[in-house]
Amino acid sequence: MTGPGADAVDAAMGRALELAAAAQVWGDTPIGAVVLGPGGQVLAEAANERERLGDPTAHAEVLALRAAARVHGDGWRLTGATLVVTLEPCTMCAGASVLARVAHVVYGADDPKAGAAGSLWDVVRDRRLNHRPQVTGGVRAEESAALLRAFFRRQRGL
């Protein structure tokens, strides 16, 4: 893996899990994201805020990528950056990571219903696109999945 080392990625996933848990407070699906710079420094972090903001695009990944672009120094390009997220990105978020030129997407739990980094679609590695981030899935997957299962059980009143 190029860019941030395994320790930085694990710490970022730990933080993303904390952010995901916090998103439940305002009724959002528990998903958190952290963007690391090429040297492993945290550029930005976010949790889902669709419910809080009433914005269908306020996914953790999109919010974190937007914030990282403001501090990274190369305009909108996040060259060398790593997106760490608790759940496999959806098509919108996978597309945003490609368009932002992130080097690496790291995610926790697979999303067989909407995942676009290999589960349902594979947007990030589509050879027709001009940029293809490296992808690593399954990082602290059980912790991410457990948060989601508990959230949806509560939503269903179980």
C-alpha atoms as a PDB file:
ATOM      1  CA  MET A   1       0.000   0.000   0.000  1.00  0.00           C
ATOM      2  CA  THR A   2       1.373   3.409  -0.928  1.00  0.00           C
ATOM      3  CA  GLY A   3       0.609   6.528   1.081  1.00  0.00           C
ATOM      4  CA  PRO A   4      -0.350   6.308   4.753  1.00  0.00           C
ATOM      5  CA  GLY A   5       0.813   3.233   6.628  1.00  0.00           C
ATOM      6  CA  ALA A   6      -1.397   0.575   8.162  1.00  0.00           C
ATOM      7  CA  ASP A   7      -1.315   2.248  11.598  1.00  0.00           C
ATOM      8  CA  ALA A   8      -2.561   5.568  10.198  1.00  0.00           C
ATOM      9  CA  VAL A   9      -5.306   3.817   8.253  1.00  0.00           C
ATOM     10  CA  ASP A  10      -6.376   1.798  11.306  1.00  0.00           C
ATOM     11  CA  ALA A  11      -6.475   4.946  13.436  1.00  0.00           C
ATOM     12  CA  ALA A  12      -8.498   6.715  10.727  1.00  0.00           C
ATOM     13  CA  MET A  13     -10.952   3.814  10.625  1.00  0.00           C
ATOM     14  CA  GLY A  14     -11.259   4.007  14.406  1.00  0.00           C
ATOM     15  CA  ARG A  15     -12.113   7.684  14.104  1.00  0.00           C
ATOM     16  CA  ALA A  16     -14.552   6.967  11.253  1.00  0.00           C
ATOM     17  CA  LEU A  17     -16.296   4.430  13.505  1.00  0.00           C
ATOM     18  CA  GLU A  18     -16.601   7.080  16.245  1.00  0.00           C
ATOM     19  CA  LEU A  19     -18.083   9.531  13.745  1.00  0.00           C
ATOM     20  CA  ALA A  20     -20.464   6.854  12.480  1.00  0.00           C
ATOM     21  CA  ALA A  21     -21.709   6.152  15.986  1.00  0.00           C
ATOM     22  CA  ALA A  22     -22.252   9.877  16.563  1.00  0.00           C
ATOM     23  CA  ALA A  23     -24.380  10.202  13.403  1.00  0.00           C
ATOM     24  CA  GLN A  24     -27.071   8.126  15.083  1.00  0.00           C
ATOM     25  CA  VAL A  25     -27.677  10.958  17.553  1.00  0.00           C
ATOM     26  CA  TRP A  26     -29.342  13.021  14.821  1.00  0.00           C
ATOM     27  CA  GLY A  27     -30.994   9.969  13.251  1.00  0.00           C
ATOM     28  CA  ASP A  28     -28.588   9.295  10.409  1.00  0.00           C
ATOM     29  CA  THR A  29     -27.310   5.977   9.190  1.00  0.00           C
ATOM     30  CA  PRO A  30     -24.029   5.354  11.060  1.00  0.00           C
ATOM     31  CA  ILE A  31     -21.386   5.954   8.433  1.00  0.00           C
ATOM     32  CA  GLY A  32     -18.190   7.902   9.034  1.00  0.00           C
ATOM     33  CA  ALA A  33     -15.337   8.939   6.768  1.00  0.00           C
ATOM     34  CA  VAL A  34     -11.831  10.326   7.204  1.00  0.00           C
ATOM     35  CA  VAL A  35      -9.572  11.651   4.444  1.00  0.00           C
ATOM     36  CA  LEU A  36      -5.848  11.214   5.002  1.00  0.00           C
ATOM     37  CA  GLY A  37      -3.208  13.182   3.178  1.00  0.00           C
ATOM     38  CA  PRO A  38      -0.292  11.478   1.427  1.00  0.00           C
ATOM     39  CA  GLY A  39       1.743  11.477   4.639  1.00  0.00           C
ATOM     40  CA  GLY A  40      -1.059  10.078   6.786  1.00  0.00           C
ATOM     41  CA  GLN A  41      -2.207  13.390   8.265  1.00  0.00           C
ATOM     42  CA  VAL A  42      -5.963  13.862   8.722  1.00  0.00           C
ATOM     43  CA  LEU A  43      -7.236  16.359   6.157  1.00  0.00           C
ATOM     44  CA  ALA A  44     -10.928  16.094   7.003  1.00  0.00           C
ATOM     45  CA  GLU A  45     -13.571  13.917   8.584  1.00  0.00           C
ATOM     46  CA  ALA A  46     -17.342  13.675   8.502  1.00  0.00           C
ATOM     47  CA  ALA A  47     -20.349  11.567   9.351  1.00  0.00           C
ATOM     48  CA  ASN A  48     -23.554  11.106   7.387  1.00  0.00           C
ATOM     49  CA  GLU A  49     -25.723  14.218   7.663  1.00  0.00           C
ATOM     50  CA  ARG A  50     -28.556  13.530   5.219  1.00  0.00           C
ATOM     51  CA  GLU A  51     -31.224  13.713   7.927  1.00  0.00           C
ATOM     52  CA  ARG A  52     -29.578  16.580   9.789  1.00  0.00           C
ATOM     53  CA  LEU A  53     -29.145  18.753   6.686  1.00  0.00           C
ATOM     54  CA  GLY A  54     -32.075  17.490   4.620  1.00  0.00           C
ATOM     55  CA  ASP A  55     -29.575  16.910   1.818  1.00  0.00           C
ATOM     56  CA  PRO A  56     -29.550  13.648  -0.150  1.00  0.00           C
ATOM     57  CA  THR A  57     -25.892  14.197  -1.076  1.00  0.00           C
ATOM     58  CA  ALA A  58     -24.704  14.703   2.518  1.00  0.00           C
ATOM     59  CA  HIS A  59     -23.036  11.301   2.716  1.00  0.00           C
ATOM     60  CA  ALA A  60     -20.010  11.064   5.003  1.00  0.00           C
ATOM     61  CA  GLU A  61     -17.659  10.531   2.064  1.00  0.00           C
ATOM     62  CA  VAL A  62     -18.888  13.538   0.061  1.00  0.00           C
ATOM     63  CA  LEU A  63     -18.740  15.838   3.098  1.00  0.00           C
ATOM     64  CA  ALA A  64     -15.232  14.638   3.998  1.00  0.00           C
ATOM     65  CA  LEU A  65     -13.980  14.945   0.403  1.00  0.00           C
ATOM     66  CA  ARG A  66     -15.368  18.485   0.136  1.00  0.00           C
ATOM     67  CA  ALA A  67     -13.691  19.516   3.388  1.00  0.00           C
ATOM     68  CA  ALA A  68     -10.404  17.844   2.423  1.00  0.00           C
ATOM     69  CA  ALA A  69     -10.360  19.652  -0.916  1.00  0.00           C
ATOM     70  CA  ARG A  70     -10.540  22.960   0.950  1.00  0.00           C
ATOM     71  CA  VAL A  71      -7.363  22.187   2.930  1.00  0.00           C
ATOM     72  CA  HIS A  72      -5.309  19.947   0.634  1.00  0.00           C
ATOM     73  CA  GLY A  73      -3.834  22.752  -1.423  1.00  0.00           C
ATOM     74  CA  ASP A  74      -4.414  21.490  -4.977  1.00  0.00           C
ATOM     75  CA  GLY A  75      -7.873  22.865  -5.526  1.00  0.00           C
ATOM     76  CA  TRP A  76     -10.315  20.013  -5.861  1.00  0.00           C
ATOM     77  CA  ARG A  77      -7.728  17.321  -6.614  1.00  0.00           C
ATOM     78  CA  LEU A  78      -6.943  15.049  -3.687  1.00  0.00           C
ATOM     79  CA  THR A  79      -3.893  13.491  -5.316  1.00  0.00           C
ATOM     80  CA  GLY A  80      -2.203  11.050  -2.956  1.00  0.00           C
ATOM     81  CA  ALA A  81      -5.070  11.139  -0.457  1.00  0.00           C
ATOM     82  CA  THR A  82      -6.762   8.121   1.112  1.00  0.00           C
ATOM     83  CA  LEU A  83     -10.497   7.999   1.784  1.00  0.00           C
ATOM     84  CA  VAL A  84     -11.268   5.797   4.802  1.00  0.00           C
ATOM     85  CA  VAL A  85     -14.953   4.997   5.282  1.00  0.00           C
ATOM     86  CA  THR A  86     -16.891   2.561   7.435  1.00  0.00           C
ATOM     87  CA  LEU A  87     -19.149   1.251   4.646  1.00  0.00           C
ATOM     88  CA  GLU A  88     -18.358   0.479   1.022  1.00  0.00           C
ATOM     89  CA  PRO A  89     -19.108   3.651  -0.969  1.00  0.00           C
ATOM     90  CA  CYS A  90     -22.306   3.923  -2.995  1.00  0.00           C
ATOM     91  CA  THR A  91     -22.210   4.961  -6.659  1.00  0.00           C
ATOM     92  CA  MET A  92     -22.280   8.672  -5.816  1.00  0.00           C
ATOM     93  CA  CYS A  93     -19.477   8.414  -3.277  1.00  0.00           C
ATOM     94  CA  ALA A  94     -17.392   6.046  -5.379  1.00  0.00           C
ATOM     95  CA  GLY A  95     -17.772   8.460  -8.284  1.00  0.00           C
ATOM     96  CA  ALA A  96     -16.802  11.386  -6.065  1.00  0.00           C
ATOM     97  CA  SER A  97     -13.638   9.584  -4.985  1.00  0.00           C
ATOM     98  CA  VAL A  98     -12.719   8.965  -8.630  1.00  0.00           C
ATOM     99  CA  LEU A  99     -13.444  12.566  -9.615  1.00  0.00           C
ATOM    100  CA  ALA A 100     -11.472  13.878  -6.619  1.00  0.00           C
ATOM    101  CA  ARG A 101      -8.506  11.766  -7.766  1.00  0.00           C
ATOM    102  CA  VAL A 102      -7.988  10.047  -4.392  1.00  0.00           C
ATOM    103  CA  ALA A 103      -5.227   7.461  -4.533  1.00  0.00           C
ATOM    104  CA  HIS A 104      -6.812   4.897  -2.244  1.00  0.00           C
ATOM    105  CA  VAL A 105     -10.276   4.015  -0.951  1.00  0.00           C
ATOM    106  CA  VAL A 106     -10.335   1.964   2.251  1.00  0.00           C
ATOM    107  CA  TYR A 107     -13.648   0.741   3.603  1.00  0.00           C
ATOM    108  CA  GLY A 108     -14.975  -1.418   6.399  1.00  0.00           C
ATOM    109  CA  ALA A 109     -18.146  -3.380   5.694  1.00  0.00           C
ATOM    110  CA  ASP A 110     -19.218  -4.519   2.237  1.00  0.00           C
ATOM    111  CA  ASP A 111     -22.548  -3.165   0.980  1.00  0.00           C
ATOM    112  CA  PRO A 112     -24.099  -5.878  -1.197  1.00  0.00           C
ATOM    113  CA  LYS A 113     -27.223  -3.753  -1.834  1.00  0.00           C
ATOM    114  CA  ALA A 114     -25.568  -0.508  -2.973  1.00  0.00           C
ATOM    115  CA  GLY A 115     -21.780  -0.901  -2.869  1.00  0.00           C
ATOM    116  CA  ALA A 116     -19.894   0.528  -5.836  1.00  0.00           C
ATOM    117  CA  ALA A 117     -16.376  -0.585  -4.969  1.00  0.00           C
ATOM    118  CA  GLY A 118     -16.838  -4.203  -5.965  1.00  0.00           C
ATOM    119  CA  SER A 119     -19.990  -5.568  -4.322  1.00  0.00           C
ATOM    120  CA  LEU A 120     -22.841  -4.500  -6.597  1.00  0.00           C
ATOM    121  CA  TRP A 121     -20.911  -2.279  -9.016  1.00  0.00           C
ATOM    122  CA  ASP A 122     -17.239  -1.446  -9.352  1.00  0.00           C
ATOM    123  CA  VAL A 123     -17.210   2.237 -10.233  1.00  0.00           C
ATOM    124  CA  VAL A 124     -13.783   2.893  -8.733  1.00  0.00           C
ATOM    125  CA  ARG A 125     -12.023   0.349 -10.919  1.00  0.00           C
ATOM    126  CA  ASP A 126     -13.958   0.868 -14.140  1.00  0.00           C
ATOM    127  CA  ARG A 127     -11.343   0.890 -16.907  1.00  0.00           C
ATOM    128  CA  ARG A 128     -13.378   3.406 -18.894  1.00  0.00           C
ATOM    129  CA  LEU A 129     -12.679   6.124 -16.324  1.00  0.00           C
ATOM    130  CA  ASN A 130      -9.549   8.250 -16.366  1.00  0.00           C
ATOM    131  CA  HIS A 131      -8.678   7.587 -12.699  1.00  0.00           C
ATOM    132  CA  ARG A 132      -8.909   4.388 -10.672  1.00  0.00           C
ATOM    133  CA  PRO A 133      -8.092   4.481  -6.955  1.00  0.00           C
ATOM    134  CA  GLN A 134      -6.611   1.477  -5.239  1.00  0.00           C
ATOM    135  CA  VAL A 135      -9.288  -0.229  -3.102  1.00  0.00           C
ATOM    136  CA  THR A 136      -8.973  -2.092   0.181  1.00  0.00           C
ATOM    137  CA  GLY A 137     -12.113  -3.482   1.765  1.00  0.00           C
ATOM    138  CA  GLY A 138     -12.824  -5.304   4.998  1.00  0.00           C
ATOM    139  CA  VAL A 139     -10.846  -3.075   7.375  1.00  0.00           C
ATOM    140  CA  ARG A 140     -12.540  -3.434  10.782  1.00  0.00           C
ATOM    141  CA  ALA A 141     -15.533  -4.719   8.840  1.00  0.00           C
ATOM    142  CA  GLU A 142     -17.267  -6.427  11.753  1.00  0.00           C
ATOM    143  CA  GLU A 143     -17.251  -3.235  13.848  1.00  0.00           C
ATOM    144  CA  SER A 144     -18.779  -1.297  10.959  1.00  0.00           C
ATOM    145  CA  ALA A 145     -21.351  -3.993  10.243  1.00  0.00           C
ATOM    146  CA  ALA A 146     -22.309  -4.263  13.915  1.00  0.00           C
ATOM    147  CA  LEU A 147     -23.036  -0.516  14.082  1.00  0.00           C
ATOM    148  CA  LEU A 148     -25.242  -0.744  11.010  1.00  0.00           C
ATOM    149  CA  ARG A 149     -27.089  -3.875  12.177  1.00  0.00           C
ATOM    150  CA  ALA A 150     -27.866  -2.323  15.569  1.00  0.00           C
ATOM    151  CA  PHE A 151     -29.042   0.913  13.948  1.00  0.00           C
ATOM    152  CA  PHE A 152     -31.413  -0.818  11.545  1.00  0.00           C
ATOM    153  CA  ARG A 153     -32.742  -3.114  14.280  1.00  0.00           C
ATOM    154  CA  ARG A 154     -33.655   0.007  16.281  1.00  0.00           C
ATOM    155  CA  GLN A 155     -35.187   1.631  13.194  1.00  0.00           C
ATOM    156  CA  ARG A 156     -37.406  -1.417  12.733  1.00  0.00           C
ATOM    157  CA  GLY A 157     -38.320  -1.513  16.417  1.00  0.00           C
ATOM    158  CA  LEU A 158     -36.703  -4.897  17.005  1.00  0.00           C
END
